[in-house]
N, C-alpha and C. Protein backbone atom coordinates (compact mmCIF):
# COMPACT_ATOMS: atom_id res chain seq x y z
N MET A 1 57.30 -15.27 -15.64
CA MET A 1 58.00 -15.50 -14.47
C MET A 1 59.38 -14.89 -14.50
N ASN A 2 59.93 -14.67 -15.66
CA ASN A 2 61.27 -14.08 -15.80
C ASN A 2 61.29 -12.69 -15.25
N LYS A 3 60.16 -11.96 -15.43
CA LYS A 3 60.05 -10.61 -14.86
C LYS A 3 60.11 -10.69 -13.35
N LEU A 4 59.45 -11.66 -12.81
CA LEU A 4 59.45 -11.79 -11.32
C LEU A 4 60.83 -12.00 -10.78
N ALA A 5 61.57 -12.92 -11.40
CA ALA A 5 62.93 -13.16 -10.96
C ALA A 5 63.78 -11.92 -11.08
N ARG A 6 63.65 -11.17 -12.18
CA ARG A 6 64.41 -9.92 -12.35
C ARG A 6 64.00 -8.90 -11.29
N GLY A 7 62.71 -8.87 -11.03
CA GLY A 7 62.27 -7.91 -9.98
C GLY A 7 62.80 -8.27 -8.63
N LEU A 8 62.83 -9.59 -8.31
CA LEU A 8 63.39 -9.99 -6.98
C LEU A 8 64.87 -9.73 -6.91
N ALA A 9 65.57 -9.93 -7.98
CA ALA A 9 67.04 -9.65 -7.96
C ALA A 9 67.23 -8.16 -7.80
N THR A 10 66.43 -7.35 -8.42
CA THR A 10 66.57 -5.88 -8.29
C THR A 10 66.23 -5.52 -6.80
N ALA A 11 65.23 -6.12 -6.23
CA ALA A 11 64.87 -5.83 -4.87
C ALA A 11 66.02 -6.25 -3.94
N ALA A 12 66.70 -7.33 -4.22
CA ALA A 12 67.81 -7.80 -3.40
C ALA A 12 68.95 -6.79 -3.44
N VAL A 13 69.25 -6.29 -4.67
CA VAL A 13 70.34 -5.32 -4.81
C VAL A 13 69.97 -4.05 -4.17
N ALA A 14 68.71 -3.62 -4.29
CA ALA A 14 68.26 -2.31 -3.71
C ALA A 14 68.31 -2.41 -2.20
N SER A 15 67.93 -3.56 -1.60
CA SER A 15 67.96 -3.67 -0.17
C SER A 15 69.40 -3.68 0.34
N ALA A 16 70.30 -4.31 -0.43
CA ALA A 16 71.71 -4.29 -0.05
C ALA A 16 72.26 -2.86 -0.09
N LEU A 17 71.88 -2.11 -1.10
CA LEU A 17 72.29 -0.74 -1.25
C LEU A 17 71.77 0.16 -0.15
N ILE A 18 70.62 -0.19 0.41
CA ILE A 18 70.03 0.61 1.43
C ILE A 18 70.71 0.29 2.77
N ILE A 19 71.01 -0.96 3.01
CA ILE A 19 71.55 -1.41 4.29
C ILE A 19 73.06 -1.07 4.37
N ALA A 20 73.77 -1.19 3.31
CA ALA A 20 75.21 -1.01 3.37
C ALA A 20 75.66 0.38 3.86
N PRO A 21 75.08 1.47 3.37
CA PRO A 21 75.52 2.80 3.89
C PRO A 21 75.19 2.95 5.39
N ALA A 22 74.07 2.43 5.84
CA ALA A 22 73.78 2.50 7.27
C ALA A 22 74.78 1.75 8.12
N ALA A 23 75.20 0.60 7.65
CA ALA A 23 76.23 -0.17 8.38
C ALA A 23 77.52 0.58 8.40
N ALA A 24 77.92 1.14 7.25
CA ALA A 24 79.13 1.91 7.16
C ALA A 24 79.10 3.10 8.06
N ALA A 25 77.95 3.79 8.10
CA ALA A 25 77.81 5.01 8.93
C ALA A 25 77.94 4.69 10.40
N SER A 26 77.59 3.48 10.83
CA SER A 26 77.69 3.21 12.24
C SER A 26 79.09 2.77 12.66
N ALA A 27 79.93 2.58 11.70
CA ALA A 27 81.34 2.26 12.05
C ALA A 27 82.06 3.52 12.49
N THR A 28 82.90 3.41 13.48
CA THR A 28 83.66 4.57 13.95
C THR A 28 85.15 4.27 13.83
N ALA A 29 85.91 5.30 13.47
CA ALA A 29 87.31 5.12 13.37
C ALA A 29 87.91 5.24 14.78
N THR A 30 88.65 4.25 15.20
CA THR A 30 89.25 4.25 16.50
C THR A 30 90.75 4.30 16.45
N TYR A 31 91.38 4.20 15.24
CA TYR A 31 92.77 4.21 15.09
C TYR A 31 93.20 5.24 14.04
N VAL A 32 94.12 6.05 14.36
CA VAL A 32 94.64 6.97 13.43
C VAL A 32 96.08 6.56 13.16
N PRO A 33 96.37 6.19 11.91
CA PRO A 33 97.69 5.69 11.61
C PRO A 33 98.78 6.71 11.91
N GLY A 34 99.82 6.33 12.56
CA GLY A 34 100.92 7.19 12.93
C GLY A 34 100.73 8.00 14.18
N ALA A 35 99.55 7.88 14.80
CA ALA A 35 99.34 8.65 16.05
C ALA A 35 99.37 7.63 17.22
N PRO A 36 100.38 7.72 18.04
CA PRO A 36 100.44 6.86 19.18
C PRO A 36 99.25 7.05 20.15
N ALA A 37 98.87 6.00 20.78
CA ALA A 37 97.73 6.09 21.70
C ALA A 37 98.03 7.04 22.88
N ALA A 38 97.00 7.76 23.31
CA ALA A 38 97.12 8.60 24.48
C ALA A 38 96.60 7.79 25.63
N THR A 39 97.19 7.92 26.81
CA THR A 39 96.79 7.18 27.97
C THR A 39 96.40 8.04 29.11
N VAL A 40 95.58 7.56 30.03
CA VAL A 40 95.23 8.26 31.25
C VAL A 40 95.73 7.39 32.39
N THR A 41 96.64 7.93 33.20
CA THR A 41 97.21 7.19 34.34
C THR A 41 96.56 7.79 35.62
N GLY A 42 96.02 6.93 36.43
CA GLY A 42 95.34 7.33 37.66
C GLY A 42 93.85 7.10 37.50
N THR A 43 93.14 7.20 38.58
CA THR A 43 91.69 6.99 38.54
C THR A 43 90.92 8.24 38.49
N PRO A 44 90.18 8.51 37.40
CA PRO A 44 89.41 9.79 37.33
C PRO A 44 88.28 9.77 38.39
N ALA A 45 88.34 10.76 39.25
CA ALA A 45 87.31 10.95 40.30
C ALA A 45 87.31 12.42 40.69
N PRO A 46 86.22 12.90 41.25
CA PRO A 46 86.19 14.29 41.65
C PRO A 46 87.37 14.67 42.61
N GLY A 47 88.09 15.71 42.17
CA GLY A 47 89.24 16.17 42.97
C GLY A 47 90.54 15.43 42.76
N ALA A 48 90.48 14.34 41.96
CA ALA A 48 91.67 13.49 41.77
C ALA A 48 92.59 14.14 40.70
N THR A 49 93.87 13.72 40.70
CA THR A 49 94.81 14.12 39.70
C THR A 49 95.17 12.93 38.84
N VAL A 50 95.04 13.08 37.56
CA VAL A 50 95.41 12.05 36.58
C VAL A 50 96.49 12.61 35.62
N VAL A 51 97.23 11.74 35.01
CA VAL A 51 98.23 12.20 34.01
C VAL A 51 97.83 11.67 32.64
N VAL A 52 97.63 12.60 31.72
CA VAL A 52 97.34 12.22 30.34
C VAL A 52 98.66 12.20 29.59
N GLY A 53 98.97 11.05 29.03
CA GLY A 53 100.22 10.87 28.35
C GLY A 53 100.04 10.65 26.85
N PHE A 54 100.71 11.42 26.06
CA PHE A 54 100.74 11.18 24.62
C PHE A 54 102.08 10.55 24.27
N GLY A 55 102.07 9.42 23.54
CA GLY A 55 103.26 8.60 23.32
C GLY A 55 104.33 9.29 22.48
N ALA A 56 105.48 8.58 22.48
CA ALA A 56 106.63 9.08 21.70
C ALA A 56 106.28 9.24 20.22
N GLY A 57 106.75 10.33 19.64
CA GLY A 57 106.49 10.56 18.23
C GLY A 57 105.16 11.28 17.92
N THR A 58 104.46 11.58 19.01
CA THR A 58 103.15 12.28 18.77
C THR A 58 103.39 13.72 18.32
N PHE A 59 104.39 14.39 18.97
CA PHE A 59 104.62 15.80 18.69
C PHE A 59 106.08 15.91 18.21
N ALA A 60 106.38 17.10 17.65
CA ALA A 60 107.76 17.42 17.31
C ALA A 60 108.57 17.59 18.61
N PRO A 61 109.76 16.96 18.65
CA PRO A 61 110.58 17.00 19.89
C PRO A 61 110.90 18.44 20.31
N ASN A 62 110.86 18.72 21.62
CA ASN A 62 111.27 19.93 22.28
C ASN A 62 110.58 21.17 21.80
N GLU A 63 109.38 21.02 21.15
CA GLU A 63 108.60 22.14 20.69
C GLU A 63 107.45 22.36 21.58
N ASP A 64 106.99 23.62 21.77
CA ASP A 64 105.85 23.89 22.64
C ASP A 64 104.54 23.19 22.15
N VAL A 65 103.79 22.70 23.14
CA VAL A 65 102.50 22.16 22.92
C VAL A 65 101.49 22.84 23.81
N ILE A 66 100.38 23.30 23.25
CA ILE A 66 99.35 23.96 24.03
C ILE A 66 98.32 22.92 24.42
N SER A 67 98.05 22.81 25.65
CA SER A 67 97.03 21.87 26.16
C SER A 67 95.89 22.56 26.85
N VAL A 68 94.66 22.22 26.46
CA VAL A 68 93.48 22.89 27.03
C VAL A 68 92.52 21.80 27.45
N LEU A 69 91.92 21.99 28.57
CA LEU A 69 90.91 21.04 29.14
C LEU A 69 89.52 21.62 28.99
N SER A 70 88.57 20.80 28.54
CA SER A 70 87.15 21.21 28.48
C SER A 70 86.31 20.17 29.07
N GLY A 71 85.13 20.57 29.55
CA GLY A 71 84.17 19.65 30.16
C GLY A 71 83.36 20.36 31.22
N ALA A 72 82.50 19.61 31.89
CA ALA A 72 81.62 20.26 32.91
C ALA A 72 82.47 20.80 34.07
N ASN A 73 82.31 21.97 34.43
CA ASN A 73 83.03 22.66 35.52
C ASN A 73 84.53 22.65 35.27
N ALA A 74 84.94 22.59 33.97
CA ALA A 74 86.36 22.56 33.70
C ALA A 74 87.12 23.82 34.11
N SER A 75 86.39 24.92 34.34
CA SER A 75 87.03 26.15 34.70
C SER A 75 87.65 26.06 36.10
N THR A 76 87.21 25.04 36.86
CA THR A 76 87.83 24.87 38.21
C THR A 76 88.86 23.72 38.22
N ALA A 77 89.00 23.09 37.06
CA ALA A 77 90.05 22.01 36.93
C ALA A 77 91.39 22.66 36.76
N ARG A 78 92.45 21.93 36.91
CA ARG A 78 93.76 22.52 36.81
C ARG A 78 94.73 21.67 36.01
N LEU A 79 95.41 22.33 35.07
CA LEU A 79 96.57 21.78 34.37
C LEU A 79 97.71 22.65 34.93
N ALA A 80 98.44 22.13 35.89
CA ALA A 80 99.36 22.94 36.64
C ALA A 80 98.57 23.93 37.46
N SER A 81 98.53 25.25 37.06
CA SER A 81 97.76 26.19 37.86
C SER A 81 96.66 26.88 37.08
N THR A 82 96.33 26.42 35.88
CA THR A 82 95.31 27.03 35.06
C THR A 82 94.62 25.95 34.29
N THR A 83 93.62 26.30 33.42
CA THR A 83 92.92 25.34 32.62
C THR A 83 93.54 25.15 31.26
N ALA A 84 94.62 25.96 30.98
CA ALA A 84 95.41 25.79 29.70
C ALA A 84 96.83 25.92 30.07
N ILE A 85 97.69 25.15 29.40
CA ILE A 85 99.10 25.18 29.71
C ILE A 85 99.93 24.99 28.39
N THR A 86 101.05 25.66 28.36
CA THR A 86 102.02 25.45 27.24
C THR A 86 103.23 24.91 27.84
N LYS A 87 103.67 23.72 27.32
CA LYS A 87 104.93 23.17 27.73
C LYS A 87 105.54 22.39 26.58
N PRO A 88 106.85 22.29 26.59
CA PRO A 88 107.51 21.60 25.43
C PRO A 88 107.30 20.12 25.49
N ALA A 89 107.21 19.49 24.31
CA ALA A 89 107.24 17.99 24.24
C ALA A 89 108.63 17.52 24.61
N ALA A 90 108.71 16.28 25.06
CA ALA A 90 109.98 15.66 25.41
C ALA A 90 110.83 15.48 24.14
N ALA A 91 112.07 15.06 24.34
CA ALA A 91 113.03 14.80 23.23
C ALA A 91 112.52 13.74 22.28
N ASP A 92 111.65 12.81 22.74
CA ASP A 92 111.16 11.78 21.87
C ASP A 92 109.74 12.13 21.31
N GLY A 93 109.28 13.31 21.54
CA GLY A 93 108.01 13.80 21.01
C GLY A 93 106.81 13.45 21.90
N SER A 94 107.10 12.89 23.07
CA SER A 94 105.96 12.52 23.97
C SER A 94 105.59 13.77 24.88
N LEU A 95 104.45 13.63 25.52
CA LEU A 95 104.00 14.71 26.37
C LEU A 95 103.16 14.10 27.50
N GLY A 96 103.44 14.62 28.69
CA GLY A 96 102.56 14.18 29.89
C GLY A 96 102.02 15.46 30.49
N VAL A 97 100.69 15.44 30.74
CA VAL A 97 100.05 16.58 31.32
C VAL A 97 99.26 16.12 32.56
N SER A 98 99.53 16.73 33.72
CA SER A 98 98.84 16.43 34.94
C SER A 98 97.53 17.21 34.91
N VAL A 99 96.49 16.53 35.20
CA VAL A 99 95.14 17.16 35.24
C VAL A 99 94.52 16.90 36.60
N THR A 100 94.23 18.00 37.33
CA THR A 100 93.52 17.89 38.60
C THR A 100 92.06 18.24 38.30
N LEU A 101 91.25 17.21 38.45
CA LEU A 101 89.80 17.36 38.15
C LEU A 101 89.15 18.22 39.24
N PRO A 102 88.06 18.90 38.89
CA PRO A 102 87.36 19.76 39.89
C PRO A 102 86.73 18.87 40.96
N ALA A 103 86.50 19.42 42.16
CA ALA A 103 85.86 18.67 43.24
C ALA A 103 84.47 18.21 42.88
N ASN A 104 83.79 18.89 41.98
CA ASN A 104 82.43 18.49 41.58
C ASN A 104 82.47 17.86 40.20
N ALA A 105 83.55 17.23 39.78
CA ALA A 105 83.71 16.66 38.45
C ALA A 105 82.69 15.58 38.19
N SER A 106 82.15 15.61 36.96
CA SER A 106 81.20 14.55 36.51
C SER A 106 81.25 14.55 35.01
N GLY A 107 81.06 13.34 34.45
CA GLY A 107 80.98 13.24 33.00
C GLY A 107 82.26 13.13 32.30
N THR A 108 82.33 13.70 31.12
CA THR A 108 83.51 13.56 30.25
C THR A 108 84.27 14.85 30.12
N TYR A 109 85.57 14.79 30.26
CA TYR A 109 86.46 15.92 30.08
C TYR A 109 87.35 15.59 28.88
N THR A 110 87.69 16.61 28.08
CA THR A 110 88.55 16.38 26.92
C THR A 110 89.77 17.28 27.03
N LEU A 111 90.94 16.63 26.98
CA LEU A 111 92.21 17.36 26.90
C LEU A 111 92.69 17.41 25.46
N THR A 112 92.82 18.65 24.98
CA THR A 112 93.22 18.83 23.60
C THR A 112 94.60 19.46 23.58
N ALA A 113 95.56 18.73 22.95
CA ALA A 113 96.94 19.11 22.89
C ALA A 113 97.23 19.52 21.41
N THR A 114 97.77 20.75 21.23
CA THR A 114 97.95 21.28 19.90
C THR A 114 99.40 21.79 19.72
N GLN A 115 99.98 21.37 18.60
CA GLN A 115 101.29 21.86 18.24
C GLN A 115 101.34 22.07 16.73
N GLY A 116 101.16 23.36 16.32
CA GLY A 116 101.03 23.72 14.91
C GLY A 116 99.79 23.00 14.32
N ASP A 117 99.99 22.16 13.28
CA ASP A 117 98.89 21.42 12.64
C ASP A 117 98.57 20.11 13.32
N ILE A 118 99.34 19.74 14.29
CA ILE A 118 99.07 18.48 15.03
C ILE A 118 98.17 18.73 16.18
N VAL A 119 97.00 18.07 16.15
CA VAL A 119 96.00 18.20 17.20
C VAL A 119 95.65 16.81 17.68
N ARG A 120 95.80 16.56 18.98
CA ARG A 120 95.52 15.28 19.55
C ARG A 120 94.55 15.48 20.74
N THR A 121 93.59 14.64 20.96
CA THR A 121 92.68 14.73 22.06
C THR A 121 92.62 13.40 22.84
N ARG A 122 92.30 13.55 24.12
CA ARG A 122 92.11 12.37 24.94
C ARG A 122 90.96 12.67 25.89
N THR A 123 90.02 11.81 26.02
CA THR A 123 88.91 12.01 26.95
C THR A 123 89.20 11.37 28.28
N ILE A 124 88.69 12.01 29.31
CA ILE A 124 88.80 11.51 30.72
C ILE A 124 87.38 11.40 31.13
N VAL A 125 86.93 10.18 31.52
CA VAL A 125 85.58 9.95 31.94
C VAL A 125 85.56 9.78 33.44
N VAL A 126 84.80 10.66 34.08
CA VAL A 126 84.62 10.56 35.56
C VAL A 126 83.26 9.86 35.77
N PRO A 127 83.30 8.66 36.35
CA PRO A 127 82.01 7.96 36.56
C PRO A 127 81.11 8.67 37.50
N ALA A 128 79.81 8.50 37.33
CA ALA A 128 78.84 9.16 38.18
C ALA A 128 79.00 8.58 39.61
N ALA A 129 78.65 9.34 40.56
CA ALA A 129 78.83 8.96 41.98
C ALA A 129 78.06 7.70 42.28
N ASP A 130 76.95 7.45 41.63
CA ASP A 130 76.15 6.24 41.95
C ASP A 130 76.52 5.09 41.01
N ALA A 131 77.51 5.20 40.17
CA ALA A 131 77.80 4.14 39.22
C ALA A 131 78.21 2.84 39.85
N ALA A 132 78.79 2.96 41.06
CA ALA A 132 79.21 1.70 41.75
C ALA A 132 78.32 1.30 42.90
N ALA A 133 77.07 1.74 42.79
CA ALA A 133 76.10 1.45 43.86
C ALA A 133 75.89 -0.09 43.96
N PRO A 134 75.82 -0.62 45.21
CA PRO A 134 75.66 -2.05 45.35
C PRO A 134 74.30 -2.47 44.69
N GLY A 135 74.36 -3.61 44.04
CA GLY A 135 73.15 -4.16 43.45
C GLY A 135 72.86 -3.59 42.02
N GLY A 136 73.55 -2.56 41.64
CA GLY A 136 73.37 -2.01 40.29
C GLY A 136 74.27 -2.69 39.28
N LEU A 137 73.92 -2.59 38.03
CA LEU A 137 74.76 -3.17 37.01
C LEU A 137 75.78 -2.10 36.58
N ALA A 138 77.00 -2.57 36.33
CA ALA A 138 78.08 -1.70 35.86
C ALA A 138 77.82 -1.28 34.43
N ASN A 139 78.16 -0.06 34.15
CA ASN A 139 78.11 0.46 32.76
C ASN A 139 79.37 0.13 32.07
N THR A 140 79.34 -0.79 31.19
CA THR A 140 80.58 -1.24 30.47
C THR A 140 80.94 -0.38 29.30
N GLY A 141 80.04 0.48 28.87
CA GLY A 141 80.30 1.32 27.73
C GLY A 141 80.10 0.62 26.39
N ALA A 142 79.55 -0.55 26.39
CA ALA A 142 79.33 -1.32 25.17
C ALA A 142 78.27 -0.62 24.30
N ASP A 143 78.48 -0.60 23.04
CA ASP A 143 77.54 0.02 22.13
C ASP A 143 77.19 -1.04 21.16
N SER A 144 75.91 -1.56 21.19
CA SER A 144 75.55 -2.67 20.34
C SER A 144 74.81 -2.24 19.06
N ALA A 145 74.76 -0.99 18.77
CA ALA A 145 74.00 -0.55 17.58
C ALA A 145 74.57 -1.15 16.29
N ALA A 146 75.90 -1.24 16.22
CA ALA A 146 76.49 -1.89 14.99
C ALA A 146 76.08 -3.35 14.85
N ALA A 147 76.01 -4.04 16.01
CA ALA A 147 75.62 -5.44 15.97
C ALA A 147 74.18 -5.61 15.45
N PHE A 148 73.33 -4.67 15.85
CA PHE A 148 71.91 -4.75 15.43
C PHE A 148 71.82 -4.48 13.91
N TRP A 149 72.59 -3.50 13.42
CA TRP A 149 72.58 -3.24 11.97
C TRP A 149 73.07 -4.44 11.22
N PHE A 150 74.18 -5.07 11.70
CA PHE A 150 74.74 -6.20 11.05
C PHE A 150 73.73 -7.37 11.02
N ALA A 151 73.06 -7.63 12.16
CA ALA A 151 72.09 -8.69 12.24
C ALA A 151 70.90 -8.42 11.32
N GLY A 152 70.47 -7.21 11.29
CA GLY A 152 69.38 -6.83 10.38
C GLY A 152 69.71 -6.99 8.94
N GLY A 153 70.96 -6.62 8.61
CA GLY A 153 71.43 -6.85 7.21
C GLY A 153 71.50 -8.27 6.83
N LEU A 154 72.01 -9.12 7.76
CA LEU A 154 72.07 -10.55 7.51
C LEU A 154 70.64 -11.15 7.33
N LEU A 155 69.73 -10.69 8.17
CA LEU A 155 68.35 -11.21 8.05
C LEU A 155 67.71 -10.81 6.72
N ALA A 156 67.94 -9.57 6.27
CA ALA A 156 67.37 -9.12 5.02
C ALA A 156 68.03 -9.85 3.85
N LEU A 157 69.36 -10.08 3.91
CA LEU A 157 70.06 -10.83 2.88
C LEU A 157 69.58 -12.25 2.80
N GLY A 158 69.40 -12.89 4.00
CA GLY A 158 68.89 -14.26 4.02
C GLY A 158 67.51 -14.34 3.42
N ALA A 159 66.62 -13.47 3.80
CA ALA A 159 65.23 -13.48 3.28
C ALA A 159 65.24 -13.33 1.76
N THR A 160 66.04 -12.40 1.27
CA THR A 160 66.13 -12.16 -0.16
C THR A 160 66.66 -13.40 -0.86
N THR A 161 67.63 -14.02 -0.32
CA THR A 161 68.20 -15.28 -0.91
C THR A 161 67.17 -16.39 -0.97
N VAL A 162 66.40 -16.57 0.09
CA VAL A 162 65.36 -17.65 0.12
C VAL A 162 64.30 -17.36 -0.94
N VAL A 163 63.85 -16.13 -1.01
CA VAL A 163 62.84 -15.81 -2.02
C VAL A 163 63.37 -16.01 -3.46
N THR A 164 64.62 -15.55 -3.70
CA THR A 164 65.21 -15.68 -5.02
C THR A 164 65.40 -17.19 -5.40
N LEU A 165 65.86 -17.98 -4.45
CA LEU A 165 66.03 -19.41 -4.73
C LEU A 165 64.70 -20.12 -4.99
N ASN A 166 63.64 -19.72 -4.30
CA ASN A 166 62.29 -20.31 -4.56
C ASN A 166 61.79 -19.93 -5.94
N VAL A 167 62.01 -18.73 -6.35
CA VAL A 167 61.58 -18.30 -7.68
C VAL A 167 62.35 -19.09 -8.72
N VAL A 168 63.64 -19.19 -8.57
CA VAL A 168 64.42 -19.94 -9.55
C VAL A 168 63.97 -21.44 -9.62
N ARG A 169 63.71 -21.99 -8.43
CA ARG A 169 63.22 -23.41 -8.38
C ARG A 169 61.93 -23.58 -9.09
N ARG A 170 61.04 -22.66 -8.93
CA ARG A 170 59.72 -22.72 -9.58
C ARG A 170 59.86 -22.59 -11.04
N ASN A 171 60.73 -21.65 -11.50
CA ASN A 171 60.95 -21.47 -12.91
C ASN A 171 61.50 -22.67 -13.56
N ARG A 172 62.47 -23.33 -12.91
CA ARG A 172 63.03 -24.58 -13.45
C ARG A 172 62.04 -25.71 -13.47
N ALA A 173 61.15 -25.77 -12.50
CA ALA A 173 60.12 -26.83 -12.46
C ALA A 173 59.11 -26.65 -13.56
N GLN A 174 58.80 -25.41 -13.95
CA GLN A 174 57.87 -25.18 -15.00
C GLN A 174 58.45 -25.33 -16.40
N ALA A 175 59.74 -25.21 -16.52
CA ALA A 175 60.38 -25.30 -17.82
C ALA A 175 60.47 -26.69 -18.37
């Protein structure tokens, strides 16, 4: 029976080693230390103008920043009068870029602001025209994949614990 207990313990460790990398891979970094959050002011909609703001300290003060917009039909979008613009950061290192979305805008647009080695991006999501249809459910953007991995890992860990405890109990009863 000692071999069985050792085998079960090995199986428990192996299952933990299998589940742990998958759980870690599903985690996403949402915070970059030292990088102030970028904001979108205004309501993204076809033909609308929004302002993408990068907070104080994001860029070197008073130095040029190159901003480029990409996404579906981005060639008809405007940052001032073109799809790419160069303008200096403010004295505090912040930057605000006005983005006029195309009349047929849909999906996700990405504004990339670059100053030397500093590269910051901000996405602008234009909801689908039928996203607010009466009677439909709103898309909240929730991603529950990590929760399923976590729940599966807990289930596997619990099952392994129960089996191991039963083997130990039986071994003690026979001794």
